[in-house]
């Protein structure tokens, strides 16, 4: 896994996936629900990402796994698939001793969250 090869998702990719997932789950009310959930997601997730970084730094791998699981679930619930996938990978890495990969993955999660935040802000502004 190389830090230089990671490119966050585009706003268009994030929005399209999220909208499709939510429409499958809740139907025509998807846009309204996405707007409500987006605000909570954007406000809650940065703290959890920081907690994950601290848990990793402090070698609290059980806590890191718990946080990664929470991040995965939160993002899955609103159709943020790539972010959820990265968090699932972090959850798995927390169970093994691969610190370099774990550190890089946390940075990828931060970068993907920045892309998600931008996409959600654009989505809520335009809907």
Protein backbone atom coordinates (compact mmCIF):
# COMPACT_ATOMS: atom_id res chain seq x y z
CA UNK A 1 0.00 0.00 0.00
CA UNK A 2 1.60 3.30 -1.03
CA UNK A 3 0.57 6.72 0.17
CA UNK A 4 1.38 8.16 -3.24
CA UNK A 5 -0.99 5.89 -5.12
CA UNK A 6 -4.12 6.85 -3.18
CA UNK A 7 -6.53 9.18 -4.87
CA UNK A 8 -9.72 10.09 -2.99
CA UNK A 9 -13.05 9.60 -4.67
CA UNK A 10 -14.52 12.46 -6.65
CA UNK A 11 -17.57 14.32 -5.39
CA UNK A 12 -19.49 12.91 -8.34
CA UNK A 13 -18.55 9.32 -7.47
CA UNK A 14 -19.44 9.79 -3.83
CA UNK A 15 -22.75 11.49 -4.54
CA UNK A 16 -23.82 8.97 -7.20
CA UNK A 17 -23.05 5.96 -5.00
CA UNK A 18 -24.65 7.52 -1.96
CA UNK A 19 -27.80 8.51 -3.83
CA UNK A 20 -28.17 5.06 -5.43
CA UNK A 21 -27.68 3.26 -2.12
CA UNK A 22 -30.13 5.50 -0.28
CA UNK A 23 -32.76 5.30 -3.03
CA UNK A 24 -32.54 1.51 -2.84
CA UNK A 25 -32.95 1.65 0.93
CA UNK A 26 -35.57 4.36 1.46
CA UNK A 27 -36.98 5.22 -1.94
CA UNK A 28 -38.03 8.70 -3.03
CA UNK A 29 -37.26 10.30 0.35
CA UNK A 30 -33.55 9.58 -0.15
CA UNK A 31 -32.48 13.17 -0.81
CA UNK A 32 -34.18 14.44 2.35
CA UNK A 33 -32.69 11.68 4.47
CA UNK A 34 -29.22 12.19 2.97
CA UNK A 35 -29.40 15.86 3.87
CA UNK A 36 -30.25 15.07 7.48
CA UNK A 37 -27.66 12.34 7.85
CA UNK A 38 -24.95 14.30 6.05
CA UNK A 39 -24.85 16.98 8.73
CA UNK A 40 -24.46 14.40 11.49
CA UNK A 41 -21.84 12.46 9.53
CA UNK A 42 -19.72 15.54 8.82
CA UNK A 43 -19.86 16.68 12.44
CA UNK A 44 -19.21 13.30 14.10
CA UNK A 45 -16.65 11.57 11.88
CA UNK A 46 -13.59 13.86 12.30
CA UNK A 47 -13.49 13.15 16.04
CA UNK A 48 -13.68 9.42 15.42
CA UNK A 49 -10.87 9.58 12.86
CA UNK A 50 -8.74 11.46 15.37
CA UNK A 51 -9.58 8.90 18.06
CA UNK A 52 -8.51 6.15 15.65
CA UNK A 53 -5.17 7.88 15.08
CA UNK A 54 -4.64 8.27 18.83
CA UNK A 55 -5.58 4.64 19.48
CA UNK A 56 -3.09 3.55 16.81
CA UNK A 57 -0.37 5.81 18.23
CA UNK A 58 -1.02 4.45 21.73
CA UNK A 59 -1.10 0.87 20.36
CA UNK A 60 -4.66 0.35 21.60
CA UNK A 61 -5.57 -2.00 18.80
CA UNK A 62 -8.82 -3.24 20.33
CA UNK A 63 -10.00 0.37 20.59
CA UNK A 64 -8.80 1.05 17.03
CA UNK A 65 -10.82 -1.93 15.80
CA UNK A 66 -13.92 -0.65 17.62
CA UNK A 67 -13.56 2.83 16.14
CA UNK A 68 -12.97 1.44 12.64
CA UNK A 69 -16.12 -0.66 13.02
CA UNK A 70 -18.13 2.42 14.06
CA UNK A 71 -16.75 4.43 11.13
CA UNK A 72 -17.58 1.59 8.75
CA UNK A 73 -21.14 1.33 10.01
CA UNK A 74 -21.78 5.06 9.96
CA UNK A 75 -20.58 5.43 6.40
CA UNK A 76 -22.34 2.28 5.18
CA UNK A 77 -25.65 3.51 6.54
CA UNK A 78 -25.65 6.44 4.13
CA UNK A 79 -24.01 4.74 1.17
CA UNK A 80 -20.48 6.12 1.47
CA UNK A 81 -19.02 2.88 0.12
CA UNK A 82 -15.35 3.62 -0.46
CA UNK A 83 -14.95 5.25 2.95
CA UNK A 84 -16.68 2.22 4.49
CA UNK A 85 -14.34 -0.10 2.60
CA UNK A 86 -11.27 1.74 3.90
CA UNK A 87 -12.66 1.53 7.44
CA UNK A 88 -13.27 -2.21 7.00
CA UNK A 89 -9.63 -2.59 5.96
CA UNK A 90 -8.58 -0.64 9.06
CA UNK A 91 -10.73 -2.89 11.23
CA UNK A 92 -8.90 -5.91 9.79
CA UNK A 93 -5.45 -4.33 10.11
CA UNK A 94 -6.10 -3.54 13.77
CA UNK A 95 -6.04 -7.29 14.38
CA UNK A 96 -2.55 -7.79 12.90
CA UNK A 97 0.82 -6.18 13.48
CA UNK A 98 1.37 -4.10 10.33
CA UNK A 99 2.01 -0.58 11.64
CA UNK A 100 3.25 0.97 8.41
CA UNK A 101 0.17 -0.13 6.47
CA UNK A 102 -2.09 0.94 9.33
CA UNK A 103 -0.56 4.42 9.50
CA UNK A 104 -0.90 4.87 5.74
CA UNK A 105 -4.48 3.61 5.79
CA UNK A 106 -5.43 6.13 8.48
CA UNK A 107 -4.10 8.87 6.21
CA UNK A 108 -6.12 7.46 3.31
CA UNK A 109 -9.22 7.51 5.50
CA UNK A 110 -8.54 11.16 6.35
CA UNK A 111 -8.15 12.03 2.67
CA UNK A 112 -11.28 10.13 1.69
CA UNK A 113 -13.23 11.82 4.48
CA UNK A 114 -12.15 15.22 3.14
CA UNK A 115 -13.54 14.20 -0.26
CA UNK A 116 -16.75 12.90 1.34
CA UNK A 117 -17.18 16.09 3.35
CA UNK A 118 -16.82 18.18 0.21
CA UNK A 119 -19.30 15.97 -1.67
CA UNK A 120 -21.84 16.12 1.15
CA UNK A 121 -21.53 19.89 1.39
CA UNK A 122 -22.10 20.22 -2.36
CA UNK A 123 -25.02 17.81 -2.18
CA UNK A 124 -26.76 19.68 0.64
CA UNK A 125 -26.17 23.03 -1.06
CA UNK A 126 -27.66 21.81 -4.35
CA UNK A 127 -30.67 19.93 -2.92
